[in-house]
Amino acid sequence: MAQMMTKRIPVSEDRWKQLGRIKEAGQTYDELLGELVQAHNRRELASFAQAARAGKGNWRKLEDV
């Protein structure tokens, strides 16, 4: 098993409390942050897809690539 490196991320007391409120029992902060990153990535992908459907942005058809 690979050794997990740990890092410290400074957060304000208020942010720490907010994270604590959404963290589930038994869930690590690493798991919580992973879920938050995944949710962000999904929202970003949905935004890109919505823009592509609306014809916004610099998109090319796959056949043209």
C-alpha atoms as a PDB file:
ATOM      1  CA  MET A   1       0.000   0.000   0.000  1.00  0.00           C
ATOM      2  CA  ALA A   2       1.320   3.458  -0.886  1.00  0.00           C
ATOM      3  CA  GLN A   3       2.058   5.779   1.985  1.00  0.00           C
ATOM      4  CA  MET A   4      -0.457   8.590   2.233  1.00  0.00           C
ATOM      5  CA  MET A   5       1.091  12.021   2.550  1.00  0.00           C
ATOM      6  CA  THR A   6      -0.730  14.466   4.733  1.00  0.00           C
ATOM      7  CA  LYS A   7      -0.948  18.209   4.237  1.00  0.00           C
ATOM      8  CA  ARG A   8      -2.349  20.920   6.422  1.00  0.00           C
ATOM      9  CA  ILE A   9      -4.806  23.387   4.946  1.00  0.00           C
ATOM     10  CA  PRO A  10      -5.379  26.531   7.007  1.00  0.00           C
ATOM     11  CA  VAL A  11      -9.061  27.451   7.255  1.00  0.00           C
ATOM     12  CA  SER A  12     -10.914  30.020   9.297  1.00  0.00           C
ATOM     13  CA  GLU A  13     -12.836  28.972  12.393  1.00  0.00           C
ATOM     14  CA  ASP A  14     -16.115  29.704  10.602  1.00  0.00           C
ATOM     15  CA  ARG A  15     -15.153  27.564   7.579  1.00  0.00           C
ATOM     16  CA  TRP A  16     -14.094  24.735   9.914  1.00  0.00           C
ATOM     17  CA  LYS A  17     -17.515  24.848  11.588  1.00  0.00           C
ATOM     18  CA  GLN A  18     -19.274  24.847   8.191  1.00  0.00           C
ATOM     19  CA  LEU A  19     -17.302  21.793   7.095  1.00  0.00           C
ATOM     20  CA  GLY A  20     -18.068  20.089  10.402  1.00  0.00           C
ATOM     21  CA  ARG A  21     -21.798  20.616   9.881  1.00  0.00           C
ATOM     22  CA  ILE A  22     -21.820  18.935   6.464  1.00  0.00           C
ATOM     23  CA  LYS A  23     -19.394  16.145   7.398  1.00  0.00           C
ATOM     24  CA  GLU A  24     -21.118  12.862   8.175  1.00  0.00           C
ATOM     25  CA  ALA A  25     -20.347  10.737  11.231  1.00  0.00           C
ATOM     26  CA  GLY A  26     -17.363   8.525  10.524  1.00  0.00           C
ATOM     27  CA  GLN A  27     -16.445  10.479   7.401  1.00  0.00           C
ATOM     28  CA  THR A  28     -12.923  11.869   7.191  1.00  0.00           C
ATOM     29  CA  TYR A  29     -12.245  15.425   6.100  1.00  0.00           C
ATOM     30  CA  ASP A  30     -10.297  13.967   3.170  1.00  0.00           C
ATOM     31  CA  GLU A  31     -13.418  12.090   2.060  1.00  0.00           C
ATOM     32  CA  LEU A  32     -15.555  15.199   2.529  1.00  0.00           C
ATOM     33  CA  LEU A  33     -13.178  17.329   0.476  1.00  0.00           C
ATOM     34  CA  GLY A  34     -13.119  14.626  -2.204  1.00  0.00           C
ATOM     35  CA  GLU A  35     -16.915  14.754  -2.419  1.00  0.00           C
ATOM     36  CA  LEU A  36     -16.875  18.549  -2.620  1.00  0.00           C
ATOM     37  CA  VAL A  37     -14.303  18.456  -5.445  1.00  0.00           C
ATOM     38  CA  GLN A  38     -16.351  15.821  -7.293  1.00  0.00           C
ATOM     39  CA  ALA A  39     -19.519  17.928  -6.958  1.00  0.00           C
ATOM     40  CA  HIS A  40     -17.638  20.975  -8.283  1.00  0.00           C
ATOM     41  CA  ASN A  41     -16.340  18.994 -11.272  1.00  0.00           C
ATOM     42  CA  ARG A  42     -19.844  17.736 -12.075  1.00  0.00           C
ATOM     43  CA  ARG A  43     -21.278  21.277 -11.945  1.00  0.00           C
ATOM     44  CA  GLU A  44     -18.479  22.517 -14.196  1.00  0.00           C
ATOM     45  CA  LEU A  45     -19.050  19.700 -16.704  1.00  0.00           C
ATOM     46  CA  ALA A  46     -22.812  20.373 -16.693  1.00  0.00           C
ATOM     47  CA  SER A  47     -22.098  24.047 -17.354  1.00  0.00           C
ATOM     48  CA  PHE A  48     -19.838  23.174 -20.299  1.00  0.00           C
ATOM     49  CA  ALA A  49     -22.487  20.821 -21.701  1.00  0.00           C
ATOM     50  CA  GLN A  50     -25.194  23.455 -21.346  1.00  0.00           C
ATOM     51  CA  ALA A  51     -23.009  26.013 -23.143  1.00  0.00           C
ATOM     52  CA  ALA A  52     -22.279  23.532 -25.936  1.00  0.00           C
ATOM     53  CA  ARG A  53     -25.990  22.761 -26.399  1.00  0.00           C
ATOM     54  CA  ALA A  54     -26.701  26.490 -26.569  1.00  0.00           C
ATOM     55  CA  GLY A  55     -24.012  26.941 -29.211  1.00  0.00           C
ATOM     56  CA  LYS A  56     -21.891  29.103 -26.924  1.00  0.00           C
ATOM     57  CA  GLY A  57     -18.142  28.790 -26.695  1.00  0.00           C
ATOM     58  CA  ASN A  58     -15.477  27.665 -29.118  1.00  0.00           C
ATOM     59  CA  TRP A  59     -16.663  24.108 -29.836  1.00  0.00           C
ATOM     60  CA  ARG A  60     -15.868  21.964 -32.855  1.00  0.00           C
ATOM     61  CA  LYS A  61     -17.572  18.830 -34.111  1.00  0.00           C
ATOM     62  CA  LEU A  62     -15.613  15.649 -33.472  1.00  0.00           C
ATOM     63  CA  GLU A  63     -15.617  14.928 -37.204  1.00  0.00           C
ATOM     64  CA  ASP A  64     -13.666  18.172 -37.709  1.00  0.00           C
ATOM     65  CA  VAL A  65     -10.934  17.311 -35.220  1.00  0.00           C
END
